[in-house]
Amino acid sequence: MTGPEEPLAVPLPDRIGRRPRLGPFPSGPDAVKFASYAAVGAVVAGATTPVAWIPFLLGGFAVAVARPGGKGVDARLADYVRFRYRARRRPGAGRRPVPVRGAIARTRDGRTIAVVRTGGVPVAFLPRAEARGLFESYKALLRAEPGGFWMVASSAPIPRREILPTGAPPPSAPERAARTGYAEMLGVLVRRRRRRVVDVVLAADEGSGGSLRRLEDRIEALFGRLLALGLEPRRLRDAELARALATLGGGAAP
């Protein structure tokens, strides 16, 4: 008896997808990058002293040749600057706040908004059959939603208090020392670990009759599908809903 057939994979030839090299540089654009640094150094050296050209030559060569992790140093610096710029921008700046009451937010253009927050499912080590079943369930969830929705995924740090041992301290000194060491180990493990946070935003037009009732029915059905995926959804309310909408760009405020 043979197992399930593997998907057919056709590898590309070596020449396809391989960037052409130019001398010691990984590619032609990297050589042009070095020439640009050298040209700037030549201008500086002409205005000052020829020795000033050497740092530009060495720095330009290092930036053009060194590609740790497959990306140049200047590209990583540009990514960091863009990240810091986006982090400093206030979400929803300049927008008027959306009134929030309970678990419902109503926009001024006549739409009713609700947000359901859930987590993620670790899929890296799932067996193939379970991963396939999870994918089919997720696909069915997307197809079953009649009005569509927005899904925004982010991450949040794991609070230490959720994983630290609880209860009364052990009676003996060795057990207390072991428990203290175990708590320290857990704190180190989760220091740089984060968990997935997914906000599902549903909206309905208040212009049609019974729109709020239909929105509640959609949320109830969504809860059932998310629970079937092994998730723990919850409805955002009041200030938490306002903060979520403000983060998503809705400018909500309690």
C-alpha atoms as a PDB file:
ATOM      1  CA  MET A   1       0.000   0.000   0.000  1.00  0.00           C
ATOM      2  CA  THR A   2       1.352   3.374  -0.932  1.00  0.00           C
ATOM      3  CA  GLY A   3       0.830   6.619   0.916  1.00  0.00           C
ATOM      4  CA  PRO A   4      -0.860   9.774  -0.415  1.00  0.00           C
ATOM      5  CA  GLU A   5       0.623  11.147  -3.580  1.00  0.00           C
ATOM      6  CA  GLU A   6       2.995  14.040  -3.134  1.00  0.00           C
ATOM      7  CA  PRO A   7       2.314  17.212  -5.160  1.00  0.00           C
ATOM      8  CA  LEU A   8       4.350  17.457  -8.330  1.00  0.00           C
ATOM      9  CA  ALA A   9       7.220  19.941  -7.929  1.00  0.00           C
ATOM     10  CA  VAL A  10       9.175  21.109 -10.964  1.00  0.00           C
ATOM     11  CA  PRO A  11      12.430  22.854  -9.952  1.00  0.00           C
ATOM     12  CA  LEU A  12      13.578  25.775 -12.044  1.00  0.00           C
ATOM     13  CA  PRO A  13      16.941  25.583 -13.791  1.00  0.00           C
ATOM     14  CA  ASP A  14      19.885  27.167 -12.023  1.00  0.00           C
ATOM     15  CA  ARG A  15      20.155  30.023 -14.481  1.00  0.00           C
ATOM     16  CA  ILE A  16      16.595  31.166 -13.847  1.00  0.00           C
ATOM     17  CA  GLY A  17      16.232  33.245 -10.699  1.00  0.00           C
ATOM     18  CA  ARG A  18      19.976  33.677 -10.222  1.00  0.00           C
ATOM     19  CA  ARG A  19      21.174  37.280 -10.333  1.00  0.00           C
ATOM     20  CA  PRO A  20      24.143  37.949 -12.655  1.00  0.00           C
ATOM     21  CA  ARG A  21      27.388  38.765 -10.876  1.00  0.00           C
ATOM     22  CA  LEU A  22      29.641  41.647 -11.822  1.00  0.00           C
ATOM     23  CA  GLY A  23      33.182  41.187 -10.554  1.00  0.00           C
ATOM     24  CA  PRO A  24      33.304  40.861  -6.751  1.00  0.00           C
ATOM     25  CA  PHE A  25      29.772  42.245  -6.390  1.00  0.00           C
ATOM     26  CA  PRO A  26      26.730  39.981  -5.944  1.00  0.00           C
ATOM     27  CA  SER A  27      24.888  41.675  -8.803  1.00  0.00           C
ATOM     28  CA  GLY A  28      24.948  44.584 -11.225  1.00  0.00           C
ATOM     29  CA  PRO A  29      22.813  46.879  -9.005  1.00  0.00           C
ATOM     30  CA  ASP A  30      25.268  46.320  -6.145  1.00  0.00           C
ATOM     31  CA  ALA A  31      28.139  47.368  -8.444  1.00  0.00           C
ATOM     32  CA  VAL A  32      26.221  50.518  -9.365  1.00  0.00           C
ATOM     33  CA  LYS A  33      25.697  51.147  -5.655  1.00  0.00           C
ATOM     34  CA  PHE A  34      29.462  50.974  -5.066  1.00  0.00           C
ATOM     35  CA  ALA A  35      30.090  53.304  -8.025  1.00  0.00           C
ATOM     36  CA  SER A  36      27.639  55.818  -6.525  1.00  0.00           C
ATOM     37  CA  TYR A  37      29.446  55.797  -3.169  1.00  0.00           C
ATOM     38  CA  ALA A  38      32.788  56.139  -4.963  1.00  0.00           C
ATOM     39  CA  ALA A  39      31.488  59.082  -7.007  1.00  0.00           C
ATOM     40  CA  VAL A  40      30.343  60.895  -3.876  1.00  0.00           C
ATOM     41  CA  GLY A  41      33.722  60.215  -2.292  1.00  0.00           C
ATOM     42  CA  ALA A  42      35.497  61.569  -5.366  1.00  0.00           C
ATOM     43  CA  VAL A  43      33.564  64.837  -5.092  1.00  0.00           C
ATOM     44  CA  VAL A  44      34.400  65.120  -1.387  1.00  0.00           C
ATOM     45  CA  ALA A  45      38.062  64.257  -2.046  1.00  0.00           C
ATOM     46  CA  GLY A  46      38.265  66.884  -4.792  1.00  0.00           C
ATOM     47  CA  ALA A  47      36.931  69.527  -2.433  1.00  0.00           C
ATOM     48  CA  THR A  48      39.093  68.520   0.538  1.00  0.00           C
ATOM     49  CA  THR A  49      41.958  66.025   0.284  1.00  0.00           C
ATOM     50  CA  PRO A  50      42.474  62.775  -1.682  1.00  0.00           C
ATOM     51  CA  VAL A  51      42.699  60.805   1.569  1.00  0.00           C
ATOM     52  CA  ALA A  52      39.002  61.546   2.212  1.00  0.00           C
ATOM     53  CA  TRP A  53      38.149  59.254  -0.704  1.00  0.00           C
ATOM     54  CA  ILE A  54      39.342  56.121   1.124  1.00  0.00           C
ATOM     55  CA  PRO A  55      36.449  55.884   3.685  1.00  0.00           C
ATOM     56  CA  PHE A  56      33.902  56.188   0.878  1.00  0.00           C
ATOM     57  CA  LEU A  57      35.617  53.436  -1.119  1.00  0.00           C
ATOM     58  CA  LEU A  58      35.839  51.081   1.841  1.00  0.00           C
ATOM     59  CA  GLY A  59      32.342  51.843   3.132  1.00  0.00           C
ATOM     60  CA  GLY A  60      30.770  51.623  -0.314  1.00  0.00           C
ATOM     61  CA  PHE A  61      32.476  48.299  -1.006  1.00  0.00           C
ATOM     62  CA  ALA A  62      31.352  46.865   2.351  1.00  0.00           C
ATOM     63  CA  VAL A  63      27.756  48.020   1.846  1.00  0.00           C
ATOM     64  CA  ALA A  64      27.667  46.672  -1.729  1.00  0.00           C
ATOM     65  CA  VAL A  65      29.213  43.280  -0.926  1.00  0.00           C
ATOM     66  CA  ALA A  66      28.034  42.445   2.608  1.00  0.00           C
ATOM     67  CA  ARG A  67      24.503  41.006   2.576  1.00  0.00           C
ATOM     68  CA  PRO A  68      23.815  39.420   5.975  1.00  0.00           C
ATOM     69  CA  GLY A  69      20.643  37.389   5.752  1.00  0.00           C
ATOM     70  CA  GLY A  70      20.324  38.156   2.035  1.00  0.00           C
ATOM     71  CA  LYS A  71      19.763  41.909   2.526  1.00  0.00           C
ATOM     72  CA  GLY A  72      22.266  44.754   2.376  1.00  0.00           C
ATOM     73  CA  VAL A  73      23.135  46.926   5.342  1.00  0.00           C
ATOM     74  CA  ASP A  74      21.677  50.057   3.729  1.00  0.00           C
ATOM     75  CA  ALA A  75      18.425  48.222   2.939  1.00  0.00           C
ATOM     76  CA  ARG A  76      18.120  47.120   6.559  1.00  0.00           C
ATOM     77  CA  LEU A  77      18.760  50.672   7.740  1.00  0.00           C
ATOM     78  CA  ALA A  78      16.075  51.980   5.364  1.00  0.00           C
ATOM     79  CA  ASP A  79      13.604  49.376   6.663  1.00  0.00           C
ATOM     80  CA  TYR A  80      14.349  50.427  10.244  1.00  0.00           C
ATOM     81  CA  VAL A  81      13.834  54.111   9.451  1.00  0.00           C
ATOM     82  CA  ARG A  82      10.500  53.353   7.758  1.00  0.00           C
ATOM     83  CA  PHE A  83       9.450  51.220  10.736  1.00  0.00           C
ATOM     84  CA  ARG A  84      10.265  54.005  13.198  1.00  0.00           C
ATOM     85  CA  TYR A  85       8.372  56.509  11.054  1.00  0.00           C
ATOM     86  CA  ARG A  86       5.273  54.295  10.961  1.00  0.00           C
ATOM     87  CA  ALA A  87       5.538  53.639  14.697  1.00  0.00           C
ATOM     88  CA  ARG A  88       5.541  57.369  15.482  1.00  0.00           C
ATOM     89  CA  ARG A  89       2.415  58.035  13.436  1.00  0.00           C
ATOM     90  CA  ARG A  90      -0.780  58.122  15.446  1.00  0.00           C
ATOM     91  CA  PRO A  91      -3.420  55.771  14.019  1.00  0.00           C
ATOM     92  CA  GLY A  92      -6.531  57.613  12.999  1.00  0.00           C
ATOM     93  CA  ALA A  93      -4.929  61.046  13.408  1.00  0.00           C
ATOM     94  CA  GLY A  94      -7.129  63.818  12.054  1.00  0.00           C
ATOM     95  CA  ARG A  95     -10.288  61.703  11.997  1.00  0.00           C
ATOM     96  CA  ARG A  96     -13.385  62.400  14.024  1.00  0.00           C
ATOM     97  CA  PRO A  97     -14.073  59.869  16.787  1.00  0.00           C
ATOM     98  CA  VAL A  98     -16.738  57.226  16.251  1.00  0.00           C
ATOM     99  CA  PRO A  99     -19.365  57.008  19.017  1.00  0.00           C
ATOM    100  CA  VAL A 100     -19.143  53.684  20.881  1.00  0.00           C
ATOM    101  CA  ARG A 101     -21.852  52.282  23.104  1.00  0.00           C
ATOM    102  CA  GLY A 102     -21.448  48.816  24.548  1.00  0.00           C
ATOM    103  CA  ALA A 103     -20.329  46.392  21.856  1.00  0.00           C
ATOM    104  CA  ILE A 104     -21.532  48.566  18.947  1.00  0.00           C
ATOM    105  CA  ALA A 105     -19.979  51.576  17.210  1.00  0.00           C
ATOM    106  CA  ARG A 106     -22.031  53.711  14.876  1.00  0.00           C
ATOM    107  CA  THR A 107     -20.341  55.829  12.232  1.00  0.00           C
ATOM    108  CA  ARG A 108     -21.760  59.068  10.923  1.00  0.00           C
ATOM    109  CA  ASP A 109     -22.336  57.597   7.482  1.00  0.00           C
ATOM    110  CA  GLY A 110     -24.941  55.197   8.887  1.00  0.00           C
ATOM    111  CA  ARG A 111     -22.892  52.040   9.469  1.00  0.00           C
ATOM    112  CA  THR A 112     -22.873  49.827  12.552  1.00  0.00           C
ATOM    113  CA  ILE A 113     -19.544  48.218  13.484  1.00  0.00           C
ATOM    114  CA  ALA A 114     -18.662  45.370  15.828  1.00  0.00           C
ATOM    115  CA  VAL A 115     -15.292  43.741  16.511  1.00  0.00           C
ATOM    116  CA  VAL A 116     -14.622  40.151  17.533  1.00  0.00           C
ATOM    117  CA  ARG A 117     -11.144  39.432  18.886  1.00  0.00           C
ATOM    118  CA  THR A 118      -9.574  36.012  18.765  1.00  0.00           C
ATOM    119  CA  GLY A 119      -6.148  34.412  18.690  1.00  0.00           C
ATOM    120  CA  GLY A 120      -4.238  32.147  16.364  1.00  0.00           C
ATOM    121  CA  VAL A 121      -3.622  28.454  15.855  1.00  0.00           C
ATOM    122  CA  PRO A 122      -0.034  27.112  15.811  1.00  0.00           C
ATOM    123  CA  VAL A 123       0.258  25.259  12.511  1.00  0.00           C
ATOM    124  CA  ALA A 124       4.017  24.733  12.166  1.00  0.00           C
ATOM    125  CA  PHE A 125       4.027  21.239  13.659  1.00  0.00           C
ATOM    126  CA  LEU A 126       0.544  20.007  12.821  1.00  0.00           C
ATOM    127  CA  PRO A 127       0.277  16.692  10.979  1.00  0.00           C
ATOM    128  CA  ARG A 128      -0.638  17.036   7.327  1.00  0.00           C
ATOM    129  CA  ALA A 129      -4.177  15.752   7.753  1.00  0.00           C
ATOM    130  CA  GLU A 130      -4.922  18.147  10.624  1.00  0.00           C
ATOM    131  CA  ALA A 131      -3.338  21.090   8.794  1.00  0.00           C
ATOM    132  CA  ARG A 132      -5.449  20.307   5.722  1.00  0.00           C
ATOM    133  CA  GLY A 133      -8.604  20.063   7.822  1.00  0.00           C
ATOM    134  CA  LEU A 134      -7.810  23.376   9.496  1.00  0.00           C
ATOM    135  CA  PHE A 135      -7.306  25.005   6.104  1.00  0.00           C
ATOM    136  CA  GLU A 136     -10.624  23.660   4.800  1.00  0.00           C
ATOM    137  CA  SER A 137     -12.426  24.879   7.927  1.00  0.00           C
ATOM    138  CA  TYR A 138     -10.912  28.327   7.543  1.00  0.00           C
ATOM    139  CA  LYS A 139     -11.899  28.420   3.882  1.00  0.00           C
ATOM    140  CA  ALA A 140     -15.448  27.428   4.810  1.00  0.00           C
ATOM    141  CA  LEU A 141     -15.517  30.231   7.393  1.00  0.00           C
ATOM    142  CA  LEU A 142     -14.617  32.805   4.762  1.00  0.00           C
ATOM    143  CA  ARG A 143     -17.188  31.506   2.296  1.00  0.00           C
ATOM    144  CA  ALA A 144     -19.983  31.246   4.866  1.00  0.00           C
ATOM    145  CA  GLU A 145     -19.860  34.909   5.894  1.00  0.00           C
ATOM    146  CA  PRO A 146     -22.536  36.610   3.749  1.00  0.00           C
ATOM    147  CA  GLY A 147     -21.659  40.260   4.311  1.00  0.00           C
ATOM    148  CA  GLY A 148     -17.875  40.042   4.312  1.00  0.00           C
ATOM    149  CA  PHE A 149     -15.588  41.362   7.020  1.00  0.00           C
ATOM    150  CA  TRP A 150     -12.184  42.876   7.673  1.00  0.00           C
ATOM    151  CA  MET A 151      -9.561  40.790   9.396  1.00  0.00           C
ATOM    152  CA  VAL A 152      -6.556  42.513  10.972  1.00  0.00           C
ATOM    153  CA  ALA A 153      -3.769  40.377  12.473  1.00  0.00           C
ATOM    154  CA  SER A 154      -1.215  41.660  14.963  1.00  0.00           C
ATOM    155  CA  SER A 155       0.694  40.317  17.954  1.00  0.00           C
ATOM    156  CA  ALA A 156       0.942  41.050  21.672  1.00  0.00           C
ATOM    157  CA  PRO A 157       3.468  40.083  24.349  1.00  0.00           C
ATOM    158  CA  ILE A 158       2.620  37.106  26.531  1.00  0.00           C
ATOM    159  CA  PRO A 159       2.001  38.264  30.140  1.00  0.00           C
ATOM    160  CA  ARG A 160       4.137  36.385  32.626  1.00  0.00           C
ATOM    161  CA  ARG A 161       1.282  36.096  35.097  1.00  0.00           C
ATOM    162  CA  GLU A 162      -0.605  33.802  32.694  1.00  0.00           C
ATOM    163  CA  ILE A 163       2.078  31.106  32.730  1.00  0.00           C
ATOM    164  CA  LEU A 164       3.632  31.407  36.185  1.00  0.00           C
ATOM    165  CA  PRO A 165       2.662  28.709  38.705  1.00  0.00           C
ATOM    166  CA  THR A 166      -0.115  29.685  41.078  1.00  0.00           C
ATOM    167  CA  GLY A 167      -1.258  28.435  44.434  1.00  0.00           C
ATOM    168  CA  ALA A 168       0.364  28.299  47.825  1.00  0.00           C
ATOM    169  CA  PRO A 169       4.161  28.083  47.956  1.00  0.00           C
ATOM    170  CA  PRO A 170       5.616  24.617  48.591  1.00  0.00           C
ATOM    171  CA  PRO A 171       6.320  23.804  52.243  1.00  0.00           C
ATOM    172  CA  SER A 172       9.941  22.676  51.886  1.00  0.00           C
ATOM    173  CA  ALA A 173      12.892  24.921  51.023  1.00  0.00           C
ATOM    174  CA  PRO A 174      14.142  22.763  48.101  1.00  0.00           C
ATOM    175  CA  GLU A 175      10.692  22.813  46.493  1.00  0.00           C
ATOM    176  CA  ARG A 176      10.442  26.590  46.921  1.00  0.00           C
ATOM    177  CA  ALA A 177      13.881  27.028  45.315  1.00  0.00           C
ATOM    178  CA  ALA A 178      12.871  24.762  42.431  1.00  0.00           C
ATOM    179  CA  ARG A 179       9.656  26.704  41.934  1.00  0.00           C
ATOM    180  CA  THR A 180      11.552  30.005  41.918  1.00  0.00           C
ATOM    181  CA  GLY A 181      13.982  28.682  39.325  1.00  0.00           C
ATOM    182  CA  TYR A 182      11.095  27.375  37.219  1.00  0.00           C
ATOM    183  CA  ALA A 183       9.392  30.781  37.316  1.00  0.00           C
ATOM    184  CA  GLU A 184      12.623  32.484  36.246  1.00  0.00           C
ATOM    185  CA  MET A 185      13.010  30.051  33.353  1.00  0.00           C
ATOM    186  CA  LEU A 186       9.447  30.743  32.167  1.00  0.00           C
ATOM    187  CA  GLY A 187      10.091  34.481  32.359  1.00  0.00           C
ATOM    188  CA  VAL A 188      13.165  34.125  30.161  1.00  0.00           C
ATOM    189  CA  LEU A 189      11.311  31.941  27.644  1.00  0.00           C
ATOM    190  CA  VAL A 190       8.430  34.392  27.137  1.00  0.00           C
ATOM    191  CA  ARG A 191      10.524  37.553  27.237  1.00  0.00           C
ATOM    192  CA  ARG A 192      10.669  37.741  23.441  1.00  0.00           C
ATOM    193  CA  ARG A 193       7.668  35.554  22.643  1.00  0.00           C
ATOM    194  CA  ARG A 194       4.416  37.016  21.370  1.00  0.00           C
ATOM    195  CA  ARG A 195       0.983  35.639  20.655  1.00  0.00           C
ATOM    196  CA  ARG A 196      -1.272  36.246  17.685  1.00  0.00           C
ATOM    197  CA  VAL A 197      -4.156  38.699  18.012  1.00  0.00           C
ATOM    198  CA  VAL A 198      -6.770  38.799  15.251  1.00  0.00           C
ATOM    199  CA  ASP A 199      -9.546  41.411  15.126  1.00  0.00           C
ATOM    200  CA  VAL A 200     -12.517  40.531  12.929  1.00  0.00           C
ATOM    201  CA  VAL A 201     -14.451  43.689  12.043  1.00  0.00           C
ATOM    202  CA  LEU A 202     -18.058  43.316  10.881  1.00  0.00           C
ATOM    203  CA  ALA A 203     -20.166  46.182   9.604  1.00  0.00           C
ATOM    204  CA  ALA A 204     -23.779  46.647   8.569  1.00  0.00           C
ATOM    205  CA  ASP A 205     -25.679  49.461   6.881  1.00  0.00           C
ATOM    206  CA  GLU A 206     -28.332  50.941   9.159  1.00  0.00           C
ATOM    207  CA  GLY A 207     -30.357  52.119   6.190  1.00  0.00           C
ATOM    208  CA  SER A 208     -32.123  48.768   5.851  1.00  0.00           C
ATOM    209  CA  GLY A 209     -34.553  47.495   8.429  1.00  0.00           C
ATOM    210  CA  GLY A 210     -33.330  44.896  10.902  1.00  0.00           C
ATOM    211  CA  SER A 211     -29.676  45.500  10.124  1.00  0.00           C
ATOM    212  CA  LEU A 212     -28.644  45.344  13.790  1.00  0.00           C
ATOM    213  CA  ARG A 213     -30.429  42.019  14.256  1.00  0.00           C
ATOM    214  CA  ARG A 214     -28.732  40.580  11.178  1.00  0.00           C
ATOM    215  CA  LEU A 215     -25.360  41.826  12.433  1.00  0.00           C
ATOM    216  CA  GLU A 216     -25.932  40.070  15.758  1.00  0.00           C
ATOM    217  CA  ASP A 217     -26.872  36.878  13.917  1.00  0.00           C
ATOM    218  CA  ARG A 218     -23.668  37.091  11.863  1.00  0.00           C
ATOM    219  CA  ILE A 219     -21.606  37.555  15.016  1.00  0.00           C
ATOM    220  CA  GLU A 220     -23.258  34.567  16.669  1.00  0.00           C
ATOM    221  CA  ALA A 221     -22.570  32.396  13.619  1.00  0.00           C
ATOM    222  CA  LEU A 222     -18.981  33.655  13.487  1.00  0.00           C
ATOM    223  CA  PHE A 223     -18.493  32.701  17.136  1.00  0.00           C
ATOM    224  CA  GLY A 224     -19.585  29.149  16.351  1.00  0.00           C
ATOM    225  CA  ARG A 225     -17.189  28.820  13.407  1.00  0.00           C
ATOM    226  CA  LEU A 226     -14.263  30.231  15.386  1.00  0.00           C
ATOM    227  CA  LEU A 227     -14.960  27.846  18.261  1.00  0.00           C
ATOM    228  CA  ALA A 228     -14.962  24.984  15.757  1.00  0.00           C
ATOM    229  CA  LEU A 229     -11.447  26.044  14.753  1.00  0.00           C
ATOM    230  CA  GLY A 230     -10.298  25.694  18.357  1.00  0.00           C
ATOM    231  CA  LEU A 231     -10.179  29.441  19.026  1.00  0.00           C
ATOM    232  CA  GLU A 232     -11.563  31.482  21.914  1.00  0.00           C
ATOM    233  CA  PRO A 233     -13.308  34.550  20.458  1.00  0.00           C
ATOM    234  CA  ARG A 234     -14.680  37.400  22.507  1.00  0.00           C
ATOM    235  CA  ARG A 235     -16.626  40.554  21.733  1.00  0.00           C
ATOM    236  CA  LEU A 236     -14.916  43.893  22.263  1.00  0.00           C
ATOM    237  CA  ARG A 237     -16.874  46.476  24.242  1.00  0.00           C
ATOM    238  CA  ASP A 238     -16.724  50.106  25.350  1.00  0.00           C
ATOM    239  CA  ALA A 239     -13.206  51.514  25.722  1.00  0.00           C
ATOM    240  CA  GLU A 240     -11.567  48.355  24.364  1.00  0.00           C
ATOM    241  CA  LEU A 241     -13.695  48.561  21.214  1.00  0.00           C
ATOM    242  CA  ALA A 242     -12.851  52.255  20.862  1.00  0.00           C
ATOM    243  CA  ARG A 243      -9.120  51.578  21.134  1.00  0.00           C
ATOM    244  CA  ALA A 244      -9.332  48.766  18.587  1.00  0.00           C
ATOM    245  CA  LEU A 245     -11.153  50.963  16.064  1.00  0.00           C
ATOM    246  CA  ALA A 246      -8.692  53.793  16.636  1.00  0.00           C
ATOM    247  CA  THR A 247      -5.804  51.414  15.990  1.00  0.00           C
ATOM    248  CA  LEU A 248      -7.514  50.158  12.853  1.00  0.00           C
ATOM    249  CA  GLY A 249      -7.849  53.731  11.600  1.00  0.00           C
ATOM    250  CA  GLY A 250     -11.461  54.363  12.574  1.00  0.00           C
ATOM    251  CA  GLY A 251     -10.614  57.112  15.034  1.00  0.00           C
ATOM    252  CA  ALA A 252     -12.993  55.753  17.631  1.00  0.00           C
ATOM    253  CA  ALA A 253     -13.058  57.192  21.094  1.00  0.00           C
ATOM    254  CA  PRO A 254     -15.081  56.172  24.143  1.00  0.00           C
END
